[in-house]
Amino acid sequence: MVTAMQQQRTHGLNPMQRHLVSMLNFNSSEEAELRLKKALEQFYLSEFENMKATMFANGELTEEKVAQGAATHFRTAY
């Protein structure tokens, strides 16, 4: 079975990424690019908020875990 990561290494981009790239060929102005970026930001923010709400609802994420994560230092030690 080929994993998604192996497929991406083989093909570079997954089918959705290739589709989006082909659609971007029609972008005709800087204004259109800015509108597209804003739409993508809003889409992924909505996806994130939905995922977060689901995780809170099923107990996978709690306020305590959020606070613990905020207090954790993730930088690599030198």
Protein backbone atom coordinates (compact mmCIF):
# COMPACT_ATOMS: atom_id res chain seq x y z
CA MET A 1 0.00 0.00 0.00
CA VAL A 2 1.38 3.41 -1.01
CA THR A 3 1.12 6.08 1.66
CA ALA A 4 0.15 9.67 0.88
CA MET A 5 3.68 10.82 1.70
CA GLN A 6 5.20 8.26 -0.69
CA GLN A 7 2.76 9.31 -3.40
CA GLN A 8 3.64 12.97 -2.88
CA ARG A 9 7.37 12.19 -3.17
CA THR A 10 6.69 10.32 -6.40
CA HIS A 11 4.36 12.84 -8.00
CA GLY A 12 5.37 16.07 -6.25
CA LEU A 13 1.81 17.30 -5.78
CA ASN A 14 -1.32 15.40 -4.84
CA PRO A 15 -4.35 15.52 -7.19
CA MET A 16 -6.03 18.38 -5.30
CA GLN A 17 -2.84 20.45 -5.37
CA ARG A 18 -2.40 19.82 -9.11
CA HIS A 19 -6.02 20.85 -9.70
CA LEU A 20 -5.57 24.08 -7.74
CA VAL A 21 -2.36 24.90 -9.60
CA SER A 22 -4.10 24.41 -12.95
CA MET A 23 -6.95 26.67 -11.81
CA LEU A 24 -4.46 29.38 -10.82
CA ASN A 25 -3.41 29.68 -14.47
CA PHE A 26 -6.56 31.75 -14.96
CA ASN A 27 -5.59 34.33 -12.34
CA SER A 28 -5.40 37.59 -14.25
CA SER A 29 -4.66 40.30 -11.70
CA GLU A 30 -3.10 41.10 -8.36
CA GLU A 31 -6.58 41.98 -7.05
CA ALA A 32 -7.84 38.51 -8.01
CA GLU A 33 -4.84 36.97 -6.25
CA LEU A 34 -5.64 38.90 -3.05
CA ARG A 35 -9.30 37.85 -3.19
CA LEU A 36 -8.26 34.22 -3.67
CA LYS A 37 -5.84 34.38 -0.74
CA LYS A 38 -8.58 35.87 1.46
CA ALA A 39 -11.05 33.15 0.40
CA LEU A 40 -8.50 30.42 1.17
CA GLU A 41 -7.71 31.97 4.55
CA GLN A 42 -11.41 32.07 5.42
CA PHE A 43 -11.90 28.47 4.25
CA TYR A 44 -9.02 27.10 6.32
CA LEU A 45 -9.98 29.19 9.36
CA SER A 46 -13.48 27.71 9.15
CA GLU A 47 -12.04 24.19 8.81
CA PHE A 48 -9.79 24.79 11.83
CA GLU A 49 -12.66 26.15 13.93
CA ASN A 50 -14.83 23.15 13.04
CA MET A 51 -12.02 20.73 13.91
CA LYS A 52 -11.39 22.54 17.20
CA ALA A 53 -15.10 22.47 18.09
CA THR A 54 -15.25 18.73 17.34
CA MET A 55 -12.17 18.06 19.48
CA PHE A 56 -13.65 20.04 22.39
CA ALA A 57 -17.00 18.28 22.01
CA ASN A 58 -15.50 14.79 22.13
CA GLY A 59 -13.10 15.64 24.96
CA GLU A 60 -9.96 15.22 22.87
CA LEU A 61 -9.13 18.88 23.57
CA THR A 62 -9.76 20.69 26.85
CA GLU A 63 -8.99 24.12 28.27
CA GLU A 64 -6.37 22.46 30.48
CA LYS A 65 -4.62 20.95 27.46
CA VAL A 66 -4.69 24.30 25.69
CA ALA A 67 -3.17 26.02 28.73
CA GLN A 68 -0.53 23.29 29.04
CA GLY A 69 0.37 23.65 25.36
CA ALA A 70 0.62 27.43 25.69
CA ALA A 71 3.04 27.02 28.59
CA THR A 72 5.23 24.43 26.83
CA HIS A 73 8.48 25.52 25.22
CA PHE A 74 8.74 23.83 21.81
CA ARG A 75 11.96 25.40 20.55
CA THR A 76 14.79 23.00 19.89
CA ALA A 77 17.51 23.21 22.51
CA TYR A 78 20.92 24.25 21.21
